[in-house]
Amino acid sequence: MTELAKKRPEFKNINAIKDLTTYRLPPAGWVSILHRISGLLMFLFLPFIIWLFDTSVSSEYSYAVFRGAFNEGLGFVPGWFLKLVALALIWAYLHHFIAGLRHLWMDVAHAVSKKFGHTSALVTLALSIGLTVVLGAKLFGLY
């Protein structure tokens, strides 16, 4: 080894309070963490998702109740809050689906490289956020 070669830094235990706030996570790391969070959100809100589906397809009356819940609210919960929860679930589904496709593609194509991981993570983030914005605009009646 030559003297000009830089010694790589050694990382030992990190201080969670001091070091985690300055650590720059790569896009692939963000996608991985958000993939887990989106899966957890979908699991935790599964009763709400089932209620949404059941109320929207049971009858015309239940569909009117469903529309009223999103417009005027449901009990003490305002309609805009229900829309925000639905928007969070829309993001969770889209992100989880797109990140899952990303992982499937990497498994099938054996495309495991740093460059592909970075690029595909950015595409995953852009698609999930972009589609969420479009569907959120529809949910809140902007078009």
N, C-alpha and C. Protein backbone atom coordinates (compact mmCIF):
# COMPACT_ATOMS: atom_id res chain seq x y z
N MET A 1 0.84 -1.17 0.00
CA MET A 1 0.00 0.00 0.00
C MET A 1 0.88 1.23 0.00
N THR A 2 0.53 2.18 -0.83
CA THR A 2 1.34 3.38 -0.93
C THR A 2 0.98 4.35 0.18
N GLU A 3 1.91 5.26 0.41
CA GLU A 3 1.68 6.26 1.45
C GLU A 3 0.63 7.28 1.03
N LEU A 4 0.42 7.41 -0.29
CA LEU A 4 -0.53 8.39 -0.79
C LEU A 4 -1.98 7.92 -0.64
N ALA A 5 -2.17 6.62 -0.48
CA ALA A 5 -3.54 6.11 -0.35
C ALA A 5 -4.14 6.57 0.98
N LYS A 6 -5.38 7.05 0.88
CA LYS A 6 -6.04 7.53 2.10
C LYS A 6 -6.58 6.35 2.89
N LYS A 7 -6.43 6.46 4.18
CA LYS A 7 -6.98 5.44 5.05
C LYS A 7 -8.48 5.70 5.16
N ARG A 8 -9.27 4.65 5.00
CA ARG A 8 -10.73 4.79 5.10
C ARG A 8 -11.11 5.06 6.54
N PRO A 9 -12.13 5.88 6.76
CA PRO A 9 -12.53 6.17 8.13
C PRO A 9 -13.14 4.94 8.78
N GLU A 10 -12.89 4.82 10.06
CA GLU A 10 -13.45 3.72 10.85
C GLU A 10 -14.67 4.23 11.57
N PHE A 11 -15.73 3.47 11.49
CA PHE A 11 -16.94 3.85 12.19
C PHE A 11 -17.21 2.86 13.30
N LYS A 12 -17.36 3.38 14.46
CA LYS A 12 -17.65 2.53 15.61
C LYS A 12 -19.08 2.83 16.03
N ASN A 13 -19.39 2.67 17.27
CA ASN A 13 -20.73 2.98 17.74
C ASN A 13 -21.02 4.46 17.53
N ILE A 14 -22.26 4.75 17.14
CA ILE A 14 -22.62 6.13 16.90
C ILE A 14 -23.45 6.65 18.07
N ASN A 15 -23.36 7.93 18.26
CA ASN A 15 -24.17 8.60 19.27
C ASN A 15 -25.48 8.98 18.59
N ALA A 16 -26.59 8.35 19.00
CA ALA A 16 -27.86 8.52 18.31
C ALA A 16 -28.32 9.98 18.32
N ILE A 17 -28.07 10.71 19.35
CA ILE A 17 -28.55 12.09 19.42
C ILE A 17 -27.68 13.01 18.58
N LYS A 18 -26.37 12.85 18.67
CA LYS A 18 -25.46 13.75 17.96
C LYS A 18 -25.23 13.35 16.51
N ASP A 19 -25.02 12.08 16.23
CA ASP A 19 -24.61 11.65 14.90
C ASP A 19 -25.76 11.46 13.92
N LEU A 20 -26.91 11.00 14.38
CA LEU A 20 -28.00 10.73 13.44
C LEU A 20 -28.56 11.99 12.80
N THR A 21 -28.45 13.12 13.47
CA THR A 21 -28.96 14.36 12.89
C THR A 21 -28.06 14.87 11.77
N THR A 22 -26.81 14.45 11.73
CA THR A 22 -25.89 14.92 10.69
C THR A 22 -25.64 13.87 9.61
N TYR A 23 -26.17 12.67 9.78
CA TYR A 23 -25.93 11.59 8.82
C TYR A 23 -26.76 11.81 7.56
N ARG A 24 -26.13 11.75 6.40
CA ARG A 24 -26.83 11.93 5.12
C ARG A 24 -27.15 10.56 4.54
N LEU A 25 -28.42 10.20 4.61
CA LEU A 25 -28.87 8.91 4.10
C LEU A 25 -29.03 8.99 2.58
N PRO A 26 -28.51 8.02 1.82
CA PRO A 26 -28.68 8.06 0.37
C PRO A 26 -30.15 7.80 0.00
N PRO A 27 -30.54 8.14 -1.23
CA PRO A 27 -31.93 7.94 -1.65
C PRO A 27 -32.41 6.50 -1.49
N ALA A 28 -31.56 5.54 -1.74
CA ALA A 28 -31.96 4.14 -1.59
C ALA A 28 -32.29 3.83 -0.13
N GLY A 29 -31.59 4.45 0.79
CA GLY A 29 -31.89 4.28 2.21
C GLY A 29 -33.24 4.88 2.58
N TRP A 30 -33.53 6.07 2.02
CA TRP A 30 -34.83 6.70 2.26
C TRP A 30 -35.96 5.83 1.72
N VAL A 31 -35.77 5.29 0.51
CA VAL A 31 -36.80 4.44 -0.09
C VAL A 31 -37.01 3.20 0.76
N SER A 32 -35.94 2.64 1.28
CA SER A 32 -36.05 1.45 2.12
C SER A 32 -36.82 1.74 3.40
N ILE A 33 -36.50 2.84 4.05
CA ILE A 33 -37.19 3.20 5.29
C ILE A 33 -38.65 3.53 5.00
N LEU A 34 -38.91 4.30 3.94
CA LEU A 34 -40.28 4.66 3.59
C LEU A 34 -41.09 3.45 3.14
N HIS A 35 -40.43 2.45 2.56
CA HIS A 35 -41.11 1.21 2.17
C HIS A 35 -41.64 0.51 3.42
N ARG A 36 -40.85 0.49 4.46
CA ARG A 36 -41.29 -0.13 5.72
C ARG A 36 -42.40 0.68 6.37
N ILE A 37 -42.26 2.01 6.36
CA ILE A 37 -43.29 2.88 6.96
C ILE A 37 -44.60 2.75 6.20
N SER A 38 -44.54 2.72 4.87
CA SER A 38 -45.76 2.61 4.08
C SER A 38 -46.45 1.27 4.33
N GLY A 39 -45.69 0.21 4.46
CA GLY A 39 -46.29 -1.09 4.78
C GLY A 39 -46.95 -1.08 6.15
N LEU A 40 -46.31 -0.45 7.12
CA LEU A 40 -46.88 -0.35 8.46
C LEU A 40 -48.16 0.49 8.45
N LEU A 41 -48.15 1.60 7.73
CA LEU A 41 -49.35 2.44 7.62
C LEU A 41 -50.52 1.66 7.03
N MET A 42 -50.25 0.93 5.96
CA MET A 42 -51.33 0.18 5.33
C MET A 42 -51.85 -0.90 6.27
N PHE A 43 -50.98 -1.52 7.04
CA PHE A 43 -51.41 -2.55 7.98
C PHE A 43 -52.23 -1.95 9.11
N LEU A 44 -51.75 -0.85 9.69
CA LEU A 44 -52.45 -0.24 10.82
C LEU A 44 -53.81 0.33 10.43
N PHE A 45 -53.91 0.87 9.22
CA PHE A 45 -55.17 1.47 8.78
C PHE A 45 -56.03 0.51 7.97
N LEU A 46 -55.75 -0.78 8.05
CA LEU A 46 -56.54 -1.76 7.33
C LEU A 46 -58.03 -1.70 7.70
N PRO A 47 -58.40 -1.54 8.98
CA PRO A 47 -59.84 -1.40 9.28
C PRO A 47 -60.47 -0.19 8.59
N PHE A 48 -59.75 0.92 8.53
CA PHE A 48 -60.26 2.11 7.84
C PHE A 48 -60.41 1.84 6.34
N ILE A 49 -59.45 1.15 5.76
CA ILE A 49 -59.51 0.83 4.33
C ILE A 49 -60.71 -0.08 4.06
N ILE A 50 -60.94 -1.06 4.92
CA ILE A 50 -62.08 -1.96 4.74
C ILE A 50 -63.38 -1.18 4.88
N TRP A 51 -63.45 -0.25 5.84
CA TRP A 51 -64.65 0.58 6.00
C TRP A 51 -64.87 1.43 4.75
N LEU A 52 -63.80 2.02 4.22
CA LEU A 52 -63.93 2.82 3.01
C LEU A 52 -64.51 2.00 1.86
N PHE A 53 -63.96 0.83 1.67
CA PHE A 53 -64.43 -0.01 0.57
C PHE A 53 -65.86 -0.47 0.80
N ASP A 54 -66.14 -0.97 2.00
CA ASP A 54 -67.48 -1.48 2.31
C ASP A 54 -68.54 -0.39 2.18
N THR A 55 -68.24 0.80 2.71
CA THR A 55 -69.21 1.89 2.66
C THR A 55 -69.42 2.39 1.25
N SER A 56 -68.40 2.35 0.44
CA SER A 56 -68.54 2.89 -0.91
C SER A 56 -69.29 1.97 -1.86
N VAL A 57 -69.35 0.66 -1.58
CA VAL A 57 -69.98 -0.26 -2.53
C VAL A 57 -71.21 -0.97 -2.00
N SER A 58 -71.60 -0.76 -0.75
CA SER A 58 -72.73 -1.51 -0.18
C SER A 58 -74.07 -1.13 -0.80
N SER A 59 -74.38 0.16 -0.80
CA SER A 59 -75.65 0.61 -1.35
C SER A 59 -75.53 2.09 -1.70
N GLU A 60 -76.58 2.61 -2.30
CA GLU A 60 -76.57 4.04 -2.63
C GLU A 60 -76.59 4.88 -1.37
N TYR A 61 -77.33 4.42 -0.36
CA TYR A 61 -77.40 5.16 0.90
C TYR A 61 -76.03 5.18 1.59
N SER A 62 -75.38 4.03 1.65
CA SER A 62 -74.07 3.98 2.30
C SER A 62 -73.04 4.80 1.54
N TYR A 63 -73.18 4.86 0.21
CA TYR A 63 -72.28 5.70 -0.58
C TYR A 63 -72.51 7.17 -0.26
N ALA A 64 -73.78 7.55 -0.04
CA ALA A 64 -74.08 8.93 0.35
C ALA A 64 -73.49 9.24 1.73
N VAL A 65 -73.54 8.28 2.65
CA VAL A 65 -72.91 8.45 3.96
C VAL A 65 -71.40 8.61 3.79
N PHE A 66 -70.83 7.82 2.93
CA PHE A 66 -69.40 7.87 2.63
C PHE A 66 -69.01 9.24 2.09
N ARG A 67 -69.77 9.74 1.13
CA ARG A 67 -69.49 11.07 0.57
C ARG A 67 -69.66 12.15 1.63
N GLY A 68 -70.69 12.01 2.45
CA GLY A 68 -70.92 12.98 3.52
C GLY A 68 -69.80 12.99 4.54
N ALA A 69 -69.26 11.82 4.84
CA ALA A 69 -68.15 11.74 5.80
C ALA A 69 -66.94 12.51 5.27
N PHE A 70 -66.69 12.41 3.98
CA PHE A 70 -65.54 13.11 3.40
C PHE A 70 -65.80 14.59 3.19
N ASN A 71 -67.07 14.98 3.05
CA ASN A 71 -67.39 16.38 2.83
C ASN A 71 -67.62 17.13 4.15
N GLU A 72 -68.49 16.61 5.00
CA GLU A 72 -68.83 17.31 6.25
C GLU A 72 -68.11 16.76 7.47
N GLY A 73 -67.66 15.53 7.41
CA GLY A 73 -67.00 14.92 8.56
C GLY A 73 -67.82 13.76 9.10
N LEU A 74 -67.27 13.14 10.11
CA LEU A 74 -67.90 11.97 10.71
C LEU A 74 -67.80 12.11 12.22
N GLY A 75 -68.92 12.49 12.87
CA GLY A 75 -68.88 12.73 14.31
C GLY A 75 -68.04 13.96 14.60
N PHE A 76 -67.04 13.78 15.46
CA PHE A 76 -66.16 14.90 15.82
C PHE A 76 -64.97 15.05 14.87
N VAL A 77 -64.83 14.13 13.92
CA VAL A 77 -63.70 14.14 12.99
C VAL A 77 -64.10 14.93 11.74
N PRO A 78 -63.40 16.03 11.42
CA PRO A 78 -63.75 16.82 10.24
C PRO A 78 -63.41 16.08 8.94
N GLY A 79 -64.12 16.45 7.89
CA GLY A 79 -63.92 15.81 6.59
C GLY A 79 -62.52 15.98 6.04
N TRP A 80 -61.92 17.16 6.24
CA TRP A 80 -60.57 17.38 5.71
C TRP A 80 -59.56 16.42 6.36
N PHE A 81 -59.81 16.05 7.64
CA PHE A 81 -58.91 15.12 8.32
C PHE A 81 -59.03 13.72 7.71
N LEU A 82 -60.26 13.32 7.42
CA LEU A 82 -60.46 12.02 6.76
C LEU A 82 -59.79 12.00 5.40
N LYS A 83 -59.85 13.13 4.70
CA LYS A 83 -59.18 13.22 3.40
C LYS A 83 -57.67 13.13 3.55
N LEU A 84 -57.13 13.74 4.61
CA LEU A 84 -55.67 13.64 4.84
C LEU A 84 -55.26 12.21 5.15
N VAL A 85 -56.08 11.51 5.94
CA VAL A 85 -55.78 10.10 6.23
C VAL A 85 -55.84 9.29 4.93
N ALA A 86 -56.86 9.54 4.12
CA ALA A 86 -56.96 8.84 2.83
C ALA A 86 -55.77 9.18 1.94
N LEU A 87 -55.33 10.43 1.96
CA LEU A 87 -54.17 10.83 1.17
C LEU A 87 -52.90 10.12 1.65
N ALA A 88 -52.75 9.99 2.96
CA ALA A 88 -51.60 9.26 3.51
C ALA A 88 -51.65 7.80 3.06
N LEU A 89 -52.83 7.22 3.03
CA LEU A 89 -52.96 5.84 2.57
C LEU A 89 -52.70 5.73 1.07
N ILE A 90 -53.11 6.74 0.32
CA ILE A 90 -52.82 6.75 -1.13
C ILE A 90 -51.31 6.77 -1.33
N TRP A 91 -50.61 7.65 -0.59
CA TRP A 91 -49.15 7.70 -0.71
C TRP A 91 -48.54 6.36 -0.30
N ALA A 92 -49.03 5.79 0.83
CA ALA A 92 -48.46 4.54 1.32
C ALA A 92 -48.61 3.44 0.27
N TYR A 93 -49.79 3.34 -0.33
CA TYR A 93 -49.99 2.31 -1.35
C TYR A 93 -49.09 2.55 -2.56
N LEU A 94 -49.08 3.77 -3.07
CA LEU A 94 -48.27 4.06 -4.25
C LEU A 94 -46.79 3.82 -4.00
N HIS A 95 -46.29 4.33 -2.86
CA HIS A 95 -44.87 4.16 -2.57
C HIS A 95 -44.53 2.68 -2.38
N HIS A 96 -45.37 1.97 -1.64
CA HIS A 96 -45.09 0.55 -1.39
C HIS A 96 -45.12 -0.25 -2.69
N PHE A 97 -46.08 0.07 -3.55
CA PHE A 97 -46.20 -0.63 -4.83
C PHE A 97 -45.00 -0.34 -5.73
N ILE A 98 -44.64 0.92 -5.87
CA ILE A 98 -43.54 1.30 -6.77
C ILE A 98 -42.20 0.79 -6.22
N ALA A 99 -42.01 0.90 -4.91
CA ALA A 99 -40.76 0.38 -4.32
C ALA A 99 -40.71 -1.14 -4.44
N GLY A 100 -41.86 -1.80 -4.33
CA GLY A 100 -41.90 -3.25 -4.52
C GLY A 100 -41.53 -3.64 -5.95
N LEU A 101 -42.04 -2.88 -6.93
CA LEU A 101 -41.66 -3.12 -8.32
C LEU A 101 -40.16 -2.91 -8.52
N ARG A 102 -39.62 -1.90 -7.85
CA ARG A 102 -38.18 -1.62 -7.94
C ARG A 102 -37.39 -2.83 -7.43
N HIS A 103 -37.82 -3.38 -6.29
CA HIS A 103 -37.12 -4.55 -5.73
C HIS A 103 -37.27 -5.77 -6.63
N LEU A 104 -38.47 -5.96 -7.18
CA LEU A 104 -38.66 -7.09 -8.09
C LEU A 104 -37.76 -6.96 -9.31
N TRP A 105 -37.69 -5.74 -9.85
CA TRP A 105 -36.83 -5.53 -11.03
C TRP A 105 -35.37 -5.83 -10.70
N MET A 106 -34.92 -5.39 -9.54
CA MET A 106 -33.53 -5.66 -9.16
C MET A 106 -33.29 -7.16 -8.98
N ASP A 107 -34.31 -7.88 -8.47
CA ASP A 107 -34.16 -9.32 -8.30
C ASP A 107 -34.15 -10.05 -9.64
N VAL A 108 -35.04 -9.67 -10.54
CA VAL A 108 -35.18 -10.37 -11.82
C VAL A 108 -34.02 -10.04 -12.75
N ALA A 109 -33.66 -8.77 -12.83
CA ALA A 109 -32.62 -8.35 -13.78
C ALA A 109 -31.22 -8.40 -13.17
N HIS A 110 -31.11 -8.78 -11.93
CA HIS A 110 -29.83 -8.78 -11.23
C HIS A 110 -29.14 -7.43 -11.36
N ALA A 111 -29.96 -6.37 -11.31
CA ALA A 111 -29.46 -5.00 -11.46
C ALA A 111 -29.14 -4.42 -10.09
N VAL A 112 -28.08 -4.93 -9.51
CA VAL A 112 -27.69 -4.45 -8.19
C VAL A 112 -26.35 -3.73 -8.34
N SER A 113 -26.46 -2.43 -8.53
CA SER A 113 -25.27 -1.60 -8.57
C SER A 113 -25.59 -0.30 -7.84
N LYS A 114 -24.56 0.38 -7.46
CA LYS A 114 -24.76 1.63 -6.73
C LYS A 114 -25.48 2.67 -7.59
N LYS A 115 -25.11 2.75 -8.86
CA LYS A 115 -25.72 3.73 -9.76
C LYS A 115 -27.20 3.41 -9.99
N PHE A 116 -27.52 2.14 -10.26
CA PHE A 116 -28.92 1.78 -10.47
C PHE A 116 -29.73 1.97 -9.20
N GLY A 117 -29.17 1.61 -8.06
CA GLY A 117 -29.88 1.80 -6.79
C GLY A 117 -30.21 3.26 -6.55
N HIS A 118 -29.26 4.13 -6.84
CA HIS A 118 -29.47 5.57 -6.65
C HIS A 118 -30.53 6.11 -7.62
N THR A 119 -30.38 5.75 -8.89
CA THR A 119 -31.31 6.24 -9.91
C THR A 119 -32.72 5.71 -9.68
N SER A 120 -32.84 4.42 -9.41
CA SER A 120 -34.17 3.83 -9.24
C SER A 120 -34.83 4.34 -7.95
N ALA A 121 -34.04 4.67 -6.95
CA ALA A 121 -34.60 5.24 -5.72
C ALA A 121 -35.16 6.63 -6.00
N LEU A 122 -34.45 7.43 -6.76
CA LEU A 122 -34.95 8.76 -7.10
C LEU A 122 -36.22 8.67 -7.94
N VAL A 123 -36.26 7.73 -8.88
CA VAL A 123 -37.46 7.53 -9.70
C VAL A 123 -38.63 7.09 -8.82
N THR A 124 -38.38 6.20 -7.88
CA THR A 124 -39.42 5.72 -6.96
C THR A 124 -39.98 6.87 -6.14
N LEU A 125 -39.10 7.70 -5.59
CA LEU A 125 -39.55 8.84 -4.80
C LEU A 125 -40.34 9.83 -5.65
N ALA A 126 -39.83 10.14 -6.84
CA ALA A 126 -40.50 11.11 -7.71
C ALA A 126 -41.88 10.60 -8.15
N LEU A 127 -41.97 9.33 -8.55
CA LEU A 127 -43.24 8.78 -8.98
C LEU A 127 -44.26 8.73 -7.85
N SER A 128 -43.84 8.25 -6.69
CA SER A 128 -44.80 8.12 -5.58
C SER A 128 -45.29 9.48 -5.11
N ILE A 129 -44.40 10.45 -5.02
CA ILE A 129 -44.81 11.79 -4.58
C ILE A 129 -45.62 12.48 -5.68
N GLY A 130 -45.20 12.36 -6.92
CA GLY A 130 -45.92 12.99 -8.02
C GLY A 130 -47.33 12.45 -8.18
N LEU A 131 -47.48 11.13 -8.16
CA LEU A 131 -48.81 10.53 -8.27
C LEU A 131 -49.68 10.87 -7.06
N THR A 132 -49.07 10.96 -5.88
CA THR A 132 -49.82 11.34 -4.68
C THR A 132 -50.34 12.77 -4.80
N VAL A 133 -49.53 13.66 -5.34
CA VAL A 133 -49.97 15.06 -5.53
C VAL A 133 -51.14 15.11 -6.52
N VAL A 134 -51.04 14.36 -7.61
CA VAL A 134 -52.12 14.35 -8.61
C VAL A 134 -53.41 13.79 -8.00
N LEU A 135 -53.32 12.65 -7.32
CA LEU A 135 -54.51 12.06 -6.73
C LEU A 135 -55.02 12.87 -5.54
N GLY A 136 -54.12 13.53 -4.82
CA GLY A 136 -54.54 14.41 -3.73
C GLY A 136 -55.30 15.61 -4.24
N ALA A 137 -54.88 16.15 -5.37
CA ALA A 137 -55.61 17.27 -5.98
C ALA A 137 -57.02 16.83 -6.37
N LYS A 138 -57.16 15.62 -6.86
CA LYS A 138 -58.48 15.09 -7.19
C LYS A 138 -59.30 14.86 -5.92
N LEU A 139 -58.69 14.34 -4.89
CA LEU A 139 -59.37 14.05 -3.63
C LEU A 139 -59.90 15.34 -2.99
N PHE A 140 -59.12 16.41 -3.06
CA PHE A 140 -59.53 17.67 -2.46
C PHE A 140 -60.33 18.56 -3.42
N GLY A 141 -60.67 18.02 -4.59
CA GLY A 141 -61.55 18.71 -5.52
C GLY A 141 -60.93 19.84 -6.30
N LEU A 142 -59.63 19.79 -6.55
CA LEU A 142 -58.99 20.84 -7.35
C LEU A 142 -59.24 20.69 -8.83
N TYR A 143 -59.63 19.52 -9.26
CA TYR A 143 -60.04 19.30 -10.66
C TYR A 143 -61.10 18.24 -10.73
